[in-house]
Amino acid sequence: ENVDMLEMLSLGRGQGPRIEEILRNAMQRGKWVFLQNCHLGHSWLQNLQKVIHSMQTEQLHPDFRLWLSSLPDDQIPGSVIQSSLKVAMEQPRGVKANL
């Protein structure tokens, strides 16, 4: 039952329309969406910005969540970053010394 609650998608060529449809469905039904590799979807990032902006004004299901993953990238719109909770994963210092 819970397996159907998560949609995992990788950004890439031609994925934009499919992702938008899945996002709209997830917003209404309370699903979680995980968009991977946002740094690879430069051409679609402005659409992502519009979708995230609409999330602030549309009626959202209380269980809806949107997760994004990306390498550091200057082309990700600032408003997307500002309206997000951020988690950074960095290699701990001294890892090579401990190997």
N, C-alpha and C. Protein backbone atom coordinates (compact mmCIF):
# COMPACT_ATOMS: atom_id res chain seq x y z
N GLU A 1 0.82 -1.19 0.00
CA GLU A 1 0.00 0.00 0.00
C GLU A 1 0.87 1.25 0.00
N ASN A 2 1.89 1.31 0.85
CA ASN A 2 2.75 2.49 0.91
C ASN A 2 3.71 2.60 -0.26
N VAL A 3 3.94 1.52 -0.97
CA VAL A 3 4.84 1.53 -2.11
C VAL A 3 4.33 2.49 -3.18
N ASP A 4 3.04 2.60 -3.33
CA ASP A 4 2.44 3.47 -4.33
C ASP A 4 2.47 4.94 -3.93
N MET A 5 2.95 5.24 -2.75
CA MET A 5 2.96 6.62 -2.26
C MET A 5 4.17 7.42 -2.75
N LEU A 6 5.16 6.77 -3.36
CA LEU A 6 6.38 7.45 -3.79
C LEU A 6 6.60 7.26 -5.28
N GLU A 7 6.82 8.37 -5.97
CA GLU A 7 7.19 8.36 -7.38
C GLU A 7 8.62 8.86 -7.48
N MET A 8 9.52 8.06 -8.03
CA MET A 8 10.91 8.47 -8.21
C MET A 8 11.18 8.66 -9.70
N LEU A 9 11.67 9.85 -10.05
CA LEU A 9 11.92 10.18 -11.45
C LEU A 9 13.26 10.87 -11.58
N SER A 10 13.97 10.61 -12.66
CA SER A 10 15.21 11.31 -12.96
C SER A 10 14.96 12.34 -14.03
N LEU A 11 15.44 13.55 -13.79
CA LEU A 11 15.30 14.58 -14.81
C LEU A 11 16.23 14.26 -15.96
N GLY A 12 15.76 14.49 -17.11
CA GLY A 12 16.54 14.25 -18.31
C GLY A 12 15.72 14.64 -19.52
N ARG A 13 16.22 14.30 -20.65
CA ARG A 13 15.59 14.67 -21.91
C ARG A 13 14.16 14.14 -22.02
N GLY A 14 13.21 15.04 -22.28
CA GLY A 14 11.84 14.64 -22.55
C GLY A 14 11.01 14.26 -21.35
N GLN A 15 11.53 14.42 -20.14
CA GLN A 15 10.79 14.00 -18.94
C GLN A 15 9.83 15.08 -18.42
N GLY A 16 9.99 16.32 -18.88
CA GLY A 16 9.22 17.44 -18.33
C GLY A 16 7.72 17.23 -18.27
N PRO A 17 7.05 16.95 -19.40
CA PRO A 17 5.59 16.77 -19.36
C PRO A 17 5.15 15.63 -18.43
N ARG A 18 5.89 14.55 -18.43
CA ARG A 18 5.55 13.42 -17.55
C ARG A 18 5.69 13.82 -16.08
N ILE A 19 6.75 14.55 -15.77
CA ILE A 19 6.98 14.97 -14.38
C ILE A 19 5.87 15.92 -13.93
N GLU A 20 5.48 16.86 -14.78
CA GLU A 20 4.42 17.80 -14.41
C GLU A 20 3.11 17.07 -14.13
N GLU A 21 2.79 16.08 -14.94
CA GLU A 21 1.56 15.30 -14.73
C GLU A 21 1.63 14.55 -13.40
N ILE A 22 2.76 13.94 -13.12
CA ILE A 22 2.92 13.19 -11.87
C ILE A 22 2.86 14.13 -10.67
N LEU A 23 3.47 15.31 -10.79
CA LEU A 23 3.42 16.28 -9.69
C LEU A 23 1.99 16.73 -9.40
N ARG A 24 1.24 17.05 -10.43
CA ARG A 24 -0.16 17.50 -10.22
C ARG A 24 -0.98 16.39 -9.54
N ASN A 25 -0.80 15.16 -9.99
CA ASN A 25 -1.51 14.03 -9.40
C ASN A 25 -1.10 13.85 -7.93
N ALA A 26 0.18 13.95 -7.66
CA ALA A 26 0.68 13.76 -6.30
C ALA A 26 0.19 14.86 -5.37
N MET A 27 0.09 16.09 -5.87
CA MET A 27 -0.41 17.21 -5.05
C MET A 27 -1.84 16.97 -4.60
N GLN A 28 -2.64 16.35 -5.46
CA GLN A 28 -4.05 16.10 -5.14
C GLN A 28 -4.23 14.87 -4.26
N ARG A 29 -3.39 13.86 -4.46
CA ARG A 29 -3.59 12.58 -3.76
C ARG A 29 -2.69 12.38 -2.55
N GLY A 30 -1.78 13.31 -2.30
CA GLY A 30 -0.92 13.19 -1.12
C GLY A 30 0.24 12.24 -1.28
N LYS A 31 0.74 12.10 -2.50
CA LYS A 31 1.89 11.23 -2.73
C LYS A 31 3.19 12.01 -2.53
N TRP A 32 4.27 11.28 -2.46
CA TRP A 32 5.60 11.86 -2.40
C TRP A 32 6.23 11.72 -3.77
N VAL A 33 6.96 12.75 -4.20
CA VAL A 33 7.67 12.73 -5.49
C VAL A 33 9.13 13.05 -5.22
N PHE A 34 10.01 12.21 -5.75
CA PHE A 34 11.46 12.42 -5.62
C PHE A 34 12.03 12.64 -7.01
N LEU A 35 12.44 13.88 -7.29
CA LEU A 35 13.05 14.22 -8.57
C LEU A 35 14.58 14.17 -8.40
N GLN A 36 15.18 13.23 -9.09
CA GLN A 36 16.61 13.02 -8.99
C GLN A 36 17.34 13.78 -10.11
N ASN A 37 18.57 14.14 -9.85
CA ASN A 37 19.47 14.73 -10.86
C ASN A 37 18.92 16.02 -11.44
N CYS A 38 18.44 16.92 -10.60
CA CYS A 38 17.90 18.19 -11.09
C CYS A 38 18.95 19.00 -11.85
N HIS A 39 20.21 18.78 -11.58
CA HIS A 39 21.27 19.49 -12.30
C HIS A 39 21.34 19.08 -13.78
N LEU A 40 20.70 17.98 -14.15
CA LEU A 40 20.69 17.54 -15.55
C LEU A 40 19.51 18.09 -16.33
N GLY A 41 18.59 18.75 -15.66
CA GLY A 41 17.38 19.22 -16.32
C GLY A 41 17.33 20.73 -16.48
N HIS A 42 18.43 21.34 -16.93
CA HIS A 42 18.49 22.80 -17.05
C HIS A 42 17.33 23.37 -17.85
N SER A 43 16.95 22.72 -18.93
CA SER A 43 15.89 23.27 -19.79
C SER A 43 14.53 23.23 -19.09
N TRP A 44 14.37 22.40 -18.10
CA TRP A 44 13.08 22.26 -17.43
C TRP A 44 13.02 22.97 -16.07
N LEU A 45 14.13 23.52 -15.61
CA LEU A 45 14.17 24.10 -14.27
C LEU A 45 13.25 25.31 -14.11
N GLN A 46 13.02 26.09 -15.17
CA GLN A 46 12.09 27.22 -15.07
C GLN A 46 10.66 26.71 -14.86
N ASN A 47 10.32 25.59 -15.50
CA ASN A 47 9.00 24.98 -15.27
C ASN A 47 8.88 24.49 -13.83
N LEU A 48 9.96 23.92 -13.32
CA LEU A 48 9.96 23.47 -11.93
C LEU A 48 9.71 24.66 -11.01
N GLN A 49 10.31 25.79 -11.30
CA GLN A 49 10.10 27.00 -10.51
C GLN A 49 8.62 27.39 -10.52
N LYS A 50 7.96 27.33 -11.67
CA LYS A 50 6.54 27.67 -11.76
C LYS A 50 5.69 26.69 -10.97
N VAL A 51 6.02 25.40 -11.04
CA VAL A 51 5.27 24.39 -10.30
C VAL A 51 5.40 24.63 -8.81
N ILE A 52 6.60 24.91 -8.34
CA ILE A 52 6.82 25.14 -6.91
C ILE A 52 6.10 26.42 -6.47
N HIS A 53 6.11 27.44 -7.31
CA HIS A 53 5.39 28.67 -6.98
C HIS A 53 3.89 28.40 -6.88
N SER A 54 3.35 27.59 -7.78
CA SER A 54 1.91 27.29 -7.75
C SER A 54 1.55 26.48 -6.51
N MET A 55 2.51 25.73 -5.98
CA MET A 55 2.25 24.94 -4.78
C MET A 55 1.93 25.83 -3.59
N GLN A 56 2.40 27.05 -3.61
CA GLN A 56 2.14 27.96 -2.50
C GLN A 56 0.74 28.52 -2.56
N THR A 57 0.10 28.47 -3.74
CA THR A 57 -1.23 29.06 -3.88
C THR A 57 -2.32 28.01 -4.07
N GLU A 58 -1.97 26.85 -4.60
CA GLU A 58 -2.97 25.80 -4.82
C GLU A 58 -3.28 25.08 -3.52
N GLN A 59 -4.41 24.43 -3.50
CA GLN A 59 -4.77 23.58 -2.37
C GLN A 59 -4.00 22.27 -2.48
N LEU A 60 -3.16 22.01 -1.53
CA LEU A 60 -2.33 20.80 -1.56
C LEU A 60 -2.85 19.79 -0.55
N HIS A 61 -2.71 18.52 -0.89
CA HIS A 61 -3.01 17.46 0.06
C HIS A 61 -1.98 17.57 1.19
N PRO A 62 -2.39 17.42 2.44
CA PRO A 62 -1.43 17.59 3.55
C PRO A 62 -0.29 16.57 3.56
N ASP A 63 -0.46 15.44 2.90
CA ASP A 63 0.60 14.42 2.88
C ASP A 63 1.57 14.57 1.71
N PHE A 64 1.31 15.51 0.79
CA PHE A 64 2.18 15.68 -0.37
C PHE A 64 3.56 16.16 0.05
N ARG A 65 4.60 15.57 -0.57
CA ARG A 65 5.98 15.99 -0.35
C ARG A 65 6.70 15.95 -1.68
N LEU A 66 7.61 16.92 -1.89
CA LEU A 66 8.45 16.96 -3.07
C LEU A 66 9.89 16.98 -2.61
N TRP A 67 10.66 15.99 -3.07
CA TRP A 67 12.08 15.87 -2.75
C TRP A 67 12.87 16.08 -4.03
N LEU A 68 13.94 16.85 -3.94
CA LEU A 68 14.80 17.12 -5.09
C LEU A 68 16.23 16.72 -4.73
N SER A 69 16.94 16.16 -5.70
CA SER A 69 18.38 15.92 -5.49
C SER A 69 19.13 16.55 -6.64
N SER A 70 20.30 17.08 -6.32
CA SER A 70 21.10 17.74 -7.33
C SER A 70 22.54 17.87 -6.86
N LEU A 71 23.44 17.90 -7.80
CA LEU A 71 24.79 18.35 -7.51
C LEU A 71 24.73 19.87 -7.41
N PRO A 72 25.70 20.50 -6.78
CA PRO A 72 25.69 21.97 -6.76
C PRO A 72 25.64 22.52 -8.19
N ASP A 73 24.74 23.47 -8.42
CA ASP A 73 24.55 23.98 -9.78
C ASP A 73 24.01 25.40 -9.72
N ASP A 74 24.67 26.33 -10.40
CA ASP A 74 24.25 27.73 -10.41
C ASP A 74 22.98 27.96 -11.20
N GLN A 75 22.55 27.01 -12.02
CA GLN A 75 21.39 27.22 -12.87
C GLN A 75 20.07 26.84 -12.20
N ILE A 76 20.12 26.32 -11.00
CA ILE A 76 18.88 26.04 -10.26
C ILE A 76 18.34 27.38 -9.77
N PRO A 77 17.09 27.71 -10.10
CA PRO A 77 16.54 29.02 -9.73
C PRO A 77 16.62 29.28 -8.23
N GLY A 78 17.01 30.51 -7.88
CA GLY A 78 17.15 30.88 -6.48
C GLY A 78 15.88 30.72 -5.68
N SER A 79 14.73 30.98 -6.32
CA SER A 79 13.46 30.87 -5.59
C SER A 79 13.17 29.42 -5.20
N VAL A 80 13.61 28.47 -6.02
CA VAL A 80 13.45 27.06 -5.68
C VAL A 80 14.29 26.73 -4.45
N ILE A 81 15.50 27.22 -4.45
CA ILE A 81 16.40 26.96 -3.32
C ILE A 81 15.89 27.64 -2.06
N GLN A 82 15.43 28.89 -2.19
CA GLN A 82 14.96 29.64 -1.02
C GLN A 82 13.71 29.05 -0.40
N SER A 83 12.86 28.43 -1.20
CA SER A 83 11.61 27.88 -0.65
C SER A 83 11.76 26.42 -0.22
N SER A 84 12.99 25.95 -0.15
CA SER A 84 13.25 24.54 0.18
C SER A 84 14.00 24.41 1.49
N LEU A 85 13.80 23.26 2.12
CA LEU A 85 14.67 22.85 3.21
C LEU A 85 15.85 22.15 2.55
N LYS A 86 17.05 22.47 2.99
CA LYS A 86 18.24 21.92 2.34
C LYS A 86 18.98 20.96 3.25
N VAL A 87 19.45 19.88 2.65
CA VAL A 87 20.29 18.92 3.34
C VAL A 87 21.53 18.74 2.48
N ALA A 88 22.69 18.95 3.06
CA ALA A 88 23.94 18.80 2.31
C ALA A 88 24.67 17.58 2.82
N MET A 89 25.16 16.81 1.90
CA MET A 89 25.95 15.64 2.27
C MET A 89 27.37 15.89 1.81
N GLU A 90 28.26 15.99 2.76
CA GLU A 90 29.66 16.25 2.46
C GLU A 90 30.51 15.16 3.08
N GLN A 91 31.62 14.89 2.41
CA GLN A 91 32.55 13.90 2.92
C GLN A 91 33.18 14.43 4.21
N PRO A 92 33.17 13.64 5.28
CA PRO A 92 33.78 14.09 6.53
C PRO A 92 35.29 14.31 6.35
N ARG A 93 35.81 15.24 7.11
CA ARG A 93 37.25 15.51 7.06
C ARG A 93 38.02 14.32 7.61
N GLY A 94 39.13 14.04 7.02
CA GLY A 94 40.00 12.97 7.51
C GLY A 94 39.58 11.57 7.11
N VAL A 95 38.67 11.42 6.15
CA VAL A 95 38.23 10.10 5.75
C VAL A 95 39.41 9.28 5.21
N LYS A 96 40.24 9.90 4.37
CA LYS A 96 41.38 9.17 3.81
C LYS A 96 42.33 8.69 4.88
N ALA A 97 42.46 9.48 5.92
CA ALA A 97 43.36 9.09 7.01
C ALA A 97 42.82 7.88 7.76
N ASN A 98 41.50 7.71 7.76
CA ASN A 98 40.89 6.60 8.49
C ASN A 98 40.78 5.32 7.67
N LEU A 99 41.13 5.37 6.38
CA LEU A 99 41.02 4.18 5.54
C LEU A 99 42.21 3.29 5.63
